Amino acid sequence: MAEARKAGRGSVAPVFGVACFDLGGTISYADAGYSGLLGREAGEIIGRTPFEFILAADFEENRKRLPAIISAREPCSFSKRYVQPDGTIVPVRAHAFLLYDGAGEKLGIFGILYEEDEHGRPACGGAPLTIDALLWLERRARDHTRDGAVPIARLRKLVIEAFGMPDGTEHTA
């Protein structure tokens, strides 16, 4: 699958990224890796929903995921395909969990996304994220969230360090 993307875009490196979404699904933060999965700059996607970039055949299934993520008591993992502006289809594995404020109120959703290879593993290298790994990250997010401020850069760094994801992208807001 990653080979199909590379064939369509020359020698594009596989991508890993993080993003935050409000409870309505709107993208509130995107690092350069997530923006790269969509083939766009962060400024082009902030304030939009990821549904705008999903392959039409995957749209309905993925639209149903938002309420499931918000009501879930555990992190969720699923696959989807993004369509970049040039028509390139990028197979992505998404992992999402809720972010909470200090009072336990839901703030939004933290997403870790990476391009999948033909075996469903991260094409960028690193280890696939398990439910235990996602639960660990969710606990770290709760430990580090203060006054409603989500430590996105810290969570991204934990993903890189703990799971061997490459840090080939700059952190952008």
N, C-alpha and C. Protein backbone atom coordinates (compact mmCIF):
# COMPACT_ATOMS: atom_id res chain seq x y z
N MET A 1 0.82 -1.19 0.00
CA MET A 1 0.00 0.00 0.00
C MET A 1 0.86 1.26 0.00
N ALA A 2 1.91 1.27 0.84
CA ALA A 2 2.80 2.42 0.86
C ALA A 2 3.50 2.55 -0.50
N GLU A 3 3.76 1.42 -1.15
CA GLU A 3 4.39 1.46 -2.46
C GLU A 3 3.51 2.18 -3.47
N ALA A 4 2.20 1.96 -3.41
CA ALA A 4 1.29 2.63 -4.34
C ALA A 4 1.35 4.14 -4.13
N ARG A 5 1.45 4.57 -2.90
CA ARG A 5 1.54 6.00 -2.62
C ARG A 5 2.84 6.54 -3.18
N LYS A 6 3.93 5.85 -2.92
CA LYS A 6 5.22 6.32 -3.41
C LYS A 6 5.25 6.38 -4.93
N ALA A 7 4.64 5.39 -5.55
CA ALA A 7 4.63 5.37 -7.02
C ALA A 7 3.88 6.58 -7.56
N GLY A 8 2.85 7.01 -6.85
CA GLY A 8 2.06 8.14 -7.31
C GLY A 8 2.70 9.49 -7.00
N ARG A 9 3.64 9.54 -6.03
CA ARG A 9 4.19 10.81 -5.62
C ARG A 9 5.69 10.87 -5.72
N GLY A 10 6.30 9.98 -6.45
CA GLY A 10 7.76 9.98 -6.51
C GLY A 10 8.32 9.31 -5.27
N SER A 11 9.34 9.89 -4.67
CA SER A 11 9.97 9.27 -3.51
C SER A 11 9.52 9.94 -2.22
N VAL A 12 8.24 9.88 -1.93
CA VAL A 12 7.68 10.46 -0.71
C VAL A 12 7.88 9.47 0.43
N ALA A 13 8.45 9.94 1.53
CA ALA A 13 8.68 9.07 2.68
C ALA A 13 7.36 8.80 3.40
N PRO A 14 7.19 7.58 3.93
CA PRO A 14 6.00 7.29 4.72
C PRO A 14 5.93 8.23 5.92
N VAL A 15 4.72 8.48 6.40
CA VAL A 15 4.50 9.54 7.37
C VAL A 15 3.84 9.03 8.65
N PHE A 16 4.18 9.69 9.76
CA PHE A 16 3.54 9.51 11.05
C PHE A 16 3.20 10.91 11.56
N GLY A 17 2.05 11.06 12.19
CA GLY A 17 1.70 12.36 12.72
C GLY A 17 0.69 12.29 13.83
N VAL A 18 0.49 13.43 14.48
CA VAL A 18 -0.52 13.55 15.52
C VAL A 18 -1.42 14.73 15.21
N ALA A 19 -2.65 14.64 15.72
CA ALA A 19 -3.62 15.71 15.54
C ALA A 19 -4.57 15.73 16.73
N CYS A 20 -5.17 16.87 16.96
CA CYS A 20 -6.23 17.00 17.97
C CYS A 20 -7.49 17.45 17.28
N PHE A 21 -8.61 16.98 17.81
CA PHE A 21 -9.92 17.26 17.25
C PHE A 21 -10.84 17.68 18.39
N ASP A 22 -11.75 18.61 18.11
CA ASP A 22 -12.73 18.92 19.15
C ASP A 22 -13.77 17.80 19.16
N LEU A 23 -14.73 17.88 20.06
CA LEU A 23 -15.71 16.80 20.20
C LEU A 23 -16.68 16.72 19.02
N GLY A 24 -16.66 17.70 18.15
CA GLY A 24 -17.46 17.64 16.93
C GLY A 24 -16.67 17.09 15.75
N GLY A 25 -15.40 16.78 15.97
CA GLY A 25 -14.56 16.21 14.93
C GLY A 25 -13.72 17.22 14.16
N THR A 26 -13.83 18.49 14.49
CA THR A 26 -13.06 19.51 13.79
C THR A 26 -11.59 19.46 14.21
N ILE A 27 -10.70 19.57 13.24
CA ILE A 27 -9.27 19.54 13.50
C ILE A 27 -8.87 20.85 14.17
N SER A 28 -8.31 20.74 15.39
CA SER A 28 -7.88 21.93 16.12
C SER A 28 -6.36 22.06 16.16
N TYR A 29 -5.67 20.98 15.87
CA TYR A 29 -4.21 20.97 15.83
C TYR A 29 -3.76 19.89 14.87
N ALA A 30 -2.72 20.17 14.11
CA ALA A 30 -2.13 19.17 13.21
C ALA A 30 -0.65 19.41 13.13
N ASP A 31 0.15 18.37 13.39
CA ASP A 31 1.59 18.54 13.19
C ASP A 31 1.90 18.33 11.71
N ALA A 32 3.15 18.54 11.35
CA ALA A 32 3.54 18.44 9.94
C ALA A 32 3.34 17.02 9.40
N GLY A 33 3.48 16.01 10.26
CA GLY A 33 3.28 14.63 9.82
C GLY A 33 1.84 14.37 9.43
N TYR A 34 0.89 14.82 10.26
CA TYR A 34 -0.52 14.63 9.94
C TYR A 34 -0.88 15.42 8.68
N SER A 35 -0.39 16.64 8.60
CA SER A 35 -0.63 17.44 7.40
C SER A 35 -0.09 16.74 6.17
N GLY A 36 1.07 16.08 6.31
CA GLY A 36 1.67 15.34 5.20
C GLY A 36 0.82 14.16 4.75
N LEU A 37 0.17 13.47 5.71
CA LEU A 37 -0.72 12.38 5.34
C LEU A 37 -1.85 12.88 4.45
N LEU A 38 -2.29 14.11 4.71
CA LEU A 38 -3.37 14.70 3.92
C LEU A 38 -2.85 15.41 2.68
N GLY A 39 -1.53 15.58 2.58
CA GLY A 39 -0.95 16.26 1.43
C GLY A 39 -1.24 17.74 1.41
N ARG A 40 -1.37 18.32 2.60
CA ARG A 40 -1.73 19.74 2.72
C ARG A 40 -0.92 20.38 3.83
N GLU A 41 -0.93 21.70 3.88
CA GLU A 41 -0.32 22.46 4.97
C GLU A 41 -1.31 22.50 6.13
N ALA A 42 -0.77 22.64 7.36
CA ALA A 42 -1.63 22.68 8.55
C ALA A 42 -2.70 23.76 8.43
N GLY A 43 -2.33 24.92 7.89
CA GLY A 43 -3.29 26.02 7.76
C GLY A 43 -4.48 25.68 6.86
N GLU A 44 -4.31 24.72 5.98
CA GLU A 44 -5.39 24.32 5.08
C GLU A 44 -6.38 23.36 5.74
N ILE A 45 -5.98 22.75 6.86
CA ILE A 45 -6.84 21.73 7.45
C ILE A 45 -7.40 22.10 8.81
N ILE A 46 -6.76 23.03 9.53
CA ILE A 46 -7.28 23.46 10.83
C ILE A 46 -8.66 24.06 10.62
N GLY A 47 -9.62 23.63 11.45
CA GLY A 47 -10.99 24.11 11.33
C GLY A 47 -11.86 23.28 10.41
N ARG A 48 -11.27 22.29 9.78
CA ARG A 48 -12.04 21.37 8.92
C ARG A 48 -12.13 20.01 9.61
N THR A 49 -12.89 19.10 9.06
CA THR A 49 -12.97 17.76 9.64
C THR A 49 -12.19 16.78 8.76
N PRO A 50 -11.69 15.70 9.35
CA PRO A 50 -10.96 14.72 8.54
C PRO A 50 -11.86 14.03 7.53
N PHE A 51 -13.18 14.09 7.74
CA PHE A 51 -14.11 13.45 6.81
C PHE A 51 -14.02 14.06 5.41
N GLU A 52 -13.57 15.31 5.35
CA GLU A 52 -13.42 15.98 4.06
C GLU A 52 -12.30 15.37 3.21
N PHE A 53 -11.42 14.59 3.83
CA PHE A 53 -10.25 14.07 3.15
C PHE A 53 -10.26 12.56 3.01
N ILE A 54 -11.32 11.91 3.49
CA ILE A 54 -11.42 10.45 3.47
C ILE A 54 -11.94 9.98 2.11
N LEU A 55 -11.41 8.86 1.64
CA LEU A 55 -11.88 8.24 0.42
C LEU A 55 -13.39 8.01 0.52
N ALA A 56 -14.12 8.33 -0.53
CA ALA A 56 -15.59 8.23 -0.51
C ALA A 56 -16.08 6.86 -0.05
N ALA A 57 -15.41 5.80 -0.45
CA ALA A 57 -15.83 4.44 -0.07
C ALA A 57 -15.69 4.20 1.43
N ASP A 58 -14.87 4.98 2.12
CA ASP A 58 -14.64 4.82 3.56
C ASP A 58 -15.44 5.82 4.39
N PHE A 59 -16.10 6.77 3.75
CA PHE A 59 -16.72 7.88 4.46
C PHE A 59 -17.74 7.43 5.50
N GLU A 60 -18.73 6.67 5.10
CA GLU A 60 -19.83 6.32 6.01
C GLU A 60 -19.33 5.57 7.24
N GLU A 61 -18.46 4.60 7.03
CA GLU A 61 -17.92 3.83 8.16
C GLU A 61 -17.16 4.74 9.12
N ASN A 62 -16.38 5.65 8.59
CA ASN A 62 -15.59 6.54 9.44
C ASN A 62 -16.45 7.62 10.10
N ARG A 63 -17.50 8.06 9.45
CA ARG A 63 -18.40 9.04 10.06
C ARG A 63 -19.02 8.48 11.33
N LYS A 64 -19.31 7.19 11.34
CA LYS A 64 -19.91 6.54 12.51
C LYS A 64 -18.93 6.40 13.67
N ARG A 65 -17.66 6.54 13.40
CA ARG A 65 -16.64 6.35 14.45
C ARG A 65 -16.61 7.47 15.46
N LEU A 66 -16.93 8.70 15.06
CA LEU A 66 -16.83 9.83 15.97
C LEU A 66 -17.66 9.63 17.23
N PRO A 67 -18.96 9.31 17.14
CA PRO A 67 -19.72 9.07 18.37
C PRO A 67 -19.16 7.91 19.19
N ALA A 68 -18.64 6.90 18.50
CA ALA A 68 -18.07 5.74 19.21
C ALA A 68 -16.81 6.16 19.98
N ILE A 69 -15.98 7.00 19.39
CA ILE A 69 -14.77 7.47 20.08
C ILE A 69 -15.16 8.29 21.31
N ILE A 70 -16.14 9.17 21.15
CA ILE A 70 -16.55 10.05 22.25
C ILE A 70 -17.18 9.27 23.39
N SER A 71 -17.89 8.20 23.09
CA SER A 71 -18.53 7.42 24.15
C SER A 71 -17.67 6.28 24.67
N ALA A 72 -16.55 6.01 24.02
CA ALA A 72 -15.69 4.88 24.42
C ALA A 72 -14.98 5.18 25.73
N ARG A 73 -14.77 4.15 26.48
CA ARG A 73 -14.00 4.27 27.72
C ARG A 73 -12.54 3.89 27.49
N GLU A 74 -12.24 3.41 26.29
CA GLU A 74 -10.88 3.01 25.94
C GLU A 74 -10.51 3.64 24.60
N PRO A 75 -9.23 3.71 24.33
CA PRO A 75 -8.80 4.19 23.01
C PRO A 75 -9.36 3.31 21.88
N CYS A 76 -9.49 3.90 20.72
CA CYS A 76 -9.99 3.20 19.54
C CYS A 76 -8.91 3.17 18.46
N SER A 77 -8.89 2.11 17.67
CA SER A 77 -7.97 2.00 16.54
C SER A 77 -8.75 1.55 15.32
N PHE A 78 -8.41 2.11 14.17
CA PHE A 78 -9.11 1.75 12.94
C PHE A 78 -8.28 2.20 11.74
N SER A 79 -8.61 1.66 10.59
CA SER A 79 -7.93 2.03 9.35
C SER A 79 -8.87 2.87 8.49
N LYS A 80 -8.27 3.72 7.69
CA LYS A 80 -9.02 4.53 6.72
C LYS A 80 -8.06 4.93 5.62
N ARG A 81 -8.62 5.51 4.58
CA ARG A 81 -7.79 5.97 3.46
C ARG A 81 -8.08 7.44 3.20
N TYR A 82 -7.01 8.23 3.17
CA TYR A 82 -7.12 9.63 2.83
C TYR A 82 -6.84 9.82 1.34
N VAL A 83 -7.45 10.86 0.77
CA VAL A 83 -7.18 11.22 -0.61
C VAL A 83 -6.50 12.59 -0.60
N GLN A 84 -5.30 12.64 -1.16
CA GLN A 84 -4.56 13.89 -1.24
C GLN A 84 -5.03 14.70 -2.44
N PRO A 85 -4.68 15.99 -2.49
CA PRO A 85 -5.15 16.84 -3.59
C PRO A 85 -4.83 16.31 -4.99
N ASP A 86 -3.72 15.59 -5.13
CA ASP A 86 -3.35 15.07 -6.46
C ASP A 86 -4.02 13.73 -6.77
N GLY A 87 -4.91 13.27 -5.86
CA GLY A 87 -5.62 12.01 -6.08
C GLY A 87 -4.95 10.80 -5.45
N THR A 88 -3.76 10.99 -4.88
CA THR A 88 -3.06 9.89 -4.24
C THR A 88 -3.86 9.39 -3.04
N ILE A 89 -4.02 8.07 -2.95
CA ILE A 89 -4.74 7.46 -1.83
C ILE A 89 -3.70 6.96 -0.83
N VAL A 90 -3.86 7.37 0.43
CA VAL A 90 -2.91 7.02 1.48
C VAL A 90 -3.61 6.15 2.53
N PRO A 91 -3.22 4.88 2.66
CA PRO A 91 -3.80 4.01 3.69
C PRO A 91 -3.23 4.39 5.06
N VAL A 92 -4.10 4.63 6.01
CA VAL A 92 -3.70 5.15 7.32
C VAL A 92 -4.28 4.29 8.44
N ARG A 93 -3.49 4.10 9.47
CA ARG A 93 -3.96 3.50 10.71
C ARG A 93 -4.12 4.64 11.69
N ALA A 94 -5.29 4.75 12.30
CA ALA A 94 -5.58 5.82 13.25
C ALA A 94 -5.82 5.23 14.63
N HIS A 95 -5.28 5.90 15.63
CA HIS A 95 -5.49 5.55 17.03
C HIS A 95 -5.98 6.82 17.71
N ALA A 96 -7.04 6.73 18.46
CA ALA A 96 -7.61 7.93 19.07
C ALA A 96 -8.02 7.66 20.51
N PHE A 97 -7.86 8.68 21.33
CA PHE A 97 -8.38 8.61 22.69
C PHE A 97 -8.82 10.00 23.12
N LEU A 98 -9.70 10.02 24.11
CA LEU A 98 -10.24 11.28 24.60
C LEU A 98 -9.23 12.00 25.48
N LEU A 99 -9.29 13.31 25.44
CA LEU A 99 -8.51 14.17 26.32
C LEU A 99 -9.48 14.78 27.33
N TYR A 100 -9.05 14.88 28.58
CA TYR A 100 -9.90 15.39 29.66
C TYR A 100 -9.20 16.55 30.36
N ASP A 101 -10.02 17.44 30.94
CA ASP A 101 -9.44 18.50 31.74
C ASP A 101 -9.23 17.99 33.17
N GLY A 102 -8.74 18.85 34.05
CA GLY A 102 -8.46 18.45 35.42
C GLY A 102 -9.68 18.00 36.20
N ALA A 103 -10.87 18.43 35.78
CA ALA A 103 -12.11 18.05 36.46
C ALA A 103 -12.73 16.79 35.85
N GLY A 104 -12.06 16.21 34.87
CA GLY A 104 -12.58 14.99 34.25
C GLY A 104 -13.56 15.23 33.12
N GLU A 105 -13.70 16.48 32.68
CA GLU A 105 -14.59 16.79 31.55
C GLU A 105 -13.86 16.54 30.24
N LYS A 106 -14.59 16.04 29.25
CA LYS A 106 -14.01 15.77 27.94
C LYS A 106 -13.63 17.07 27.24
N LEU A 107 -12.38 17.12 26.77
CA LEU A 107 -11.89 18.30 26.05
C LEU A 107 -11.89 18.12 24.54
N GLY A 108 -11.53 16.92 24.12
CA GLY A 108 -11.38 16.66 22.70
C GLY A 108 -10.79 15.28 22.47
N ILE A 109 -10.23 15.09 21.30
CA ILE A 109 -9.70 13.79 20.90
C ILE A 109 -8.25 13.97 20.44
N PHE A 110 -7.38 13.08 20.89
CA PHE A 110 -5.99 13.06 20.45
C PHE A 110 -5.84 11.90 19.49
N GLY A 111 -5.29 12.16 18.32
CA GLY A 111 -5.11 11.12 17.32
C GLY A 111 -3.66 10.91 16.95
N ILE A 112 -3.28 9.65 16.83
CA ILE A 112 -1.97 9.26 16.35
C ILE A 112 -2.23 8.51 15.05
N LEU A 113 -1.66 8.97 13.98
CA LEU A 113 -1.94 8.37 12.68
C LEU A 113 -0.65 8.09 11.94
N TYR A 114 -0.62 6.97 11.24
CA TYR A 114 0.54 6.66 10.42
C TYR A 114 0.12 5.90 9.18
N GLU A 115 0.93 6.09 8.15
CA GLU A 115 0.70 5.37 6.91
C GLU A 115 0.98 3.89 7.16
N GLU A 116 0.08 3.03 6.67
CA GLU A 116 0.24 1.59 6.83
C GLU A 116 0.96 1.00 5.62
N ASP A 117 1.77 -0.03 5.89
CA ASP A 117 2.33 -0.78 4.78
C ASP A 117 1.34 -1.88 4.39
N GLU A 118 1.73 -2.73 3.45
CA GLU A 118 0.80 -3.77 2.97
C GLU A 118 0.44 -4.80 4.02
N HIS A 119 1.17 -4.81 5.16
CA HIS A 119 0.88 -5.75 6.25
C HIS A 119 0.17 -5.08 7.42
N GLY A 120 -0.19 -3.81 7.26
CA GLY A 120 -0.88 -3.09 8.31
C GLY A 120 0.04 -2.55 9.40
N ARG A 121 1.34 -2.57 9.15
CA ARG A 121 2.31 -2.05 10.11
C ARG A 121 2.68 -0.61 9.71
N PRO A 122 3.25 0.16 10.65
CA PRO A 122 3.67 1.52 10.30
C PRO A 122 4.71 1.52 9.18
N ALA A 123 4.40 2.14 8.07
CA ALA A 123 5.33 2.21 6.95
C ALA A 123 6.55 3.06 7.31
N CYS A 124 6.41 3.92 8.32
CA CYS A 124 7.50 4.80 8.73
C CYS A 124 8.48 4.12 9.68
N GLY A 125 8.22 2.87 10.03
CA GLY A 125 9.02 2.17 11.02
C GLY A 125 8.34 2.28 12.37
N GLY A 126 8.98 1.80 13.38
CA GLY A 126 8.38 1.84 14.71
C GLY A 126 7.45 0.66 14.90
N ALA A 127 6.96 0.55 16.11
CA ALA A 127 6.11 -0.58 16.48
C ALA A 127 4.64 -0.21 16.32
N PRO A 128 3.80 -1.16 15.90
CA PRO A 128 2.36 -0.88 15.89
C PRO A 128 1.90 -0.59 17.31
N LEU A 129 0.96 0.29 17.47
CA LEU A 129 0.48 0.64 18.80
C LEU A 129 -0.58 -0.35 19.25
N THR A 130 -0.42 -0.89 20.43
CA THR A 130 -1.38 -1.83 21.00
C THR A 130 -2.34 -1.08 21.91
N ILE A 131 -3.40 -1.74 22.34
CA ILE A 131 -4.35 -1.12 23.26
C ILE A 131 -3.64 -0.76 24.56
N ASP A 132 -2.73 -1.60 25.03
CA ASP A 132 -1.99 -1.29 26.26
C ASP A 132 -1.15 -0.03 26.09
N ALA A 133 -0.51 0.10 24.93
CA ALA A 133 0.29 1.29 24.66
C ALA A 133 -0.59 2.54 24.63
N LEU A 134 -1.76 2.42 24.02
CA LEU A 134 -2.66 3.57 23.94
C LEU A 134 -3.22 3.93 25.31
N LEU A 135 -3.51 2.94 26.14
CA LEU A 135 -3.97 3.22 27.51
C LEU A 135 -2.87 3.93 28.30
N TRP A 136 -1.62 3.51 28.10
CA TRP A 136 -0.49 4.16 28.76
C TRP A 136 -0.40 5.63 28.32
N LEU A 137 -0.53 5.88 27.02
CA LEU A 137 -0.49 7.26 26.51
C LEU A 137 -1.65 8.08 27.06
N GLU A 138 -2.83 7.48 27.12
CA GLU A 138 -3.99 8.19 27.64
C GLU A 138 -3.76 8.60 29.09
N ARG A 139 -3.18 7.71 29.89
CA ARG A 139 -2.86 8.05 31.29
C ARG A 139 -1.85 9.18 31.34
N ARG A 140 -0.83 9.15 30.47
CA ARG A 140 0.16 10.24 30.44
C ARG A 140 -0.53 11.56 30.09
N ALA A 141 -1.47 11.51 29.16
CA ALA A 141 -2.20 12.73 28.79
C ALA A 141 -2.94 13.29 30.00
N ARG A 142 -3.59 12.42 30.76
CA ARG A 142 -4.30 12.88 31.96
C ARG A 142 -3.32 13.43 32.99
N ASP A 143 -2.17 12.77 33.14
CA ASP A 143 -1.17 13.22 34.10
C ASP A 143 -0.62 14.60 33.76
N HIS A 144 -0.53 14.92 32.48
CA HIS A 144 0.11 16.15 32.05
C HIS A 144 -0.86 17.28 31.69
N THR A 145 -2.16 17.01 31.66
CA THR A 145 -3.13 18.05 31.31
C THR A 145 -3.40 18.92 32.53
N ARG A 146 -3.19 20.19 32.38
CA ARG A 146 -3.40 21.15 33.47
C ARG A 146 -4.28 22.28 32.98
N ASP A 147 -5.29 22.61 33.74
CA ASP A 147 -6.15 23.75 33.43
C ASP A 147 -6.66 23.73 32.00
N GLY A 148 -6.97 22.57 31.49
CA GLY A 148 -7.51 22.45 30.15
C GLY A 148 -6.49 22.54 29.05
N ALA A 149 -5.22 22.72 29.40
CA ALA A 149 -4.16 22.80 28.38
C ALA A 149 -3.62 21.40 28.12
N VAL A 150 -3.73 20.96 26.89
CA VAL A 150 -3.25 19.64 26.50
C VAL A 150 -1.80 19.75 26.05
N PRO A 151 -0.92 18.95 26.61
CA PRO A 151 0.50 19.01 26.26
C PRO A 151 0.79 18.24 24.97
N ILE A 152 0.38 18.78 23.85
CA ILE A 152 0.48 18.06 22.57
C ILE A 152 1.93 17.72 22.25
N ALA A 153 2.82 18.68 22.39
CA ALA A 153 4.23 18.43 22.07
C ALA A 153 4.78 17.31 22.96
N ARG A 154 4.40 17.29 24.23
CA ARG A 154 4.87 16.24 25.15
C ARG A 154 4.32 14.88 24.74
N LEU A 155 3.04 14.81 24.38
CA LEU A 155 2.45 13.54 23.96
C LEU A 155 3.11 13.04 22.67
N ARG A 156 3.36 13.95 21.74
CA ARG A 156 4.02 13.57 20.50
C ARG A 156 5.41 13.01 20.79
N LYS A 157 6.13 13.65 21.69
CA LYS A 157 7.46 13.18 22.07
C LYS A 157 7.39 11.79 22.71
N LEU A 158 6.39 11.54 23.54
CA LEU A 158 6.22 10.22 24.14
C LEU A 158 6.00 9.14 23.07
N VAL A 159 5.20 9.46 22.06
CA VAL A 159 4.95 8.50 20.98
C VAL A 159 6.27 8.18 20.27
N ILE A 160 7.04 9.20 19.97
CA ILE A 160 8.32 9.01 19.28
C ILE A 160 9.27 8.17 20.11
N GLU A 161 9.41 8.53 21.38
CA GLU A 161 10.37 7.84 22.24
C GLU A 161 9.93 6.42 22.58
N ALA A 162 8.68 6.25 22.95
CA ALA A 162 8.22 4.95 23.44
C ALA A 162 8.01 3.92 22.34
N PHE A 163 7.67 4.36 21.14
CA PHE A 163 7.28 3.41 20.10
C PHE A 163 8.17 3.45 18.87
N GLY A 164 9.26 4.21 18.95
CA GLY A 164 10.23 4.19 17.88
C GLY A 164 9.76 4.84 16.59
N MET A 165 8.79 5.73 16.68
CA MET A 165 8.36 6.45 15.49
C MET A 165 9.43 7.48 15.12
N PRO A 166 9.66 7.68 13.86
CA PRO A 166 10.70 8.63 13.45
C PRO A 166 10.25 10.06 13.72
N ASP A 167 11.19 10.89 14.12
CA ASP A 167 10.87 12.30 14.36
C ASP A 167 11.39 13.13 13.20
N GLY A 168 10.83 12.88 12.02
CA GLY A 168 11.28 13.58 10.83
C GLY A 168 10.42 14.77 10.48
N THR A 169 9.52 15.17 11.39
CA THR A 169 8.65 16.29 11.09
C THR A 169 8.76 17.33 12.18
N GLU A 170 8.61 18.56 11.81
CA GLU A 170 8.61 19.65 12.78
C GLU A 170 7.24 19.78 13.40
N HIS A 171 7.20 20.26 14.61
CA HIS A 171 5.95 20.49 15.34
C HIS A 171 5.39 21.83 14.89
N THR A 172 4.18 21.84 14.33
CA THR A 172 3.57 23.09 13.89
C THR A 172 2.16 23.19 14.45
N ALA A 173 1.69 24.40 14.61
CA ALA A 173 0.32 24.59 15.11
C ALA A 173 -0.54 25.19 14.04
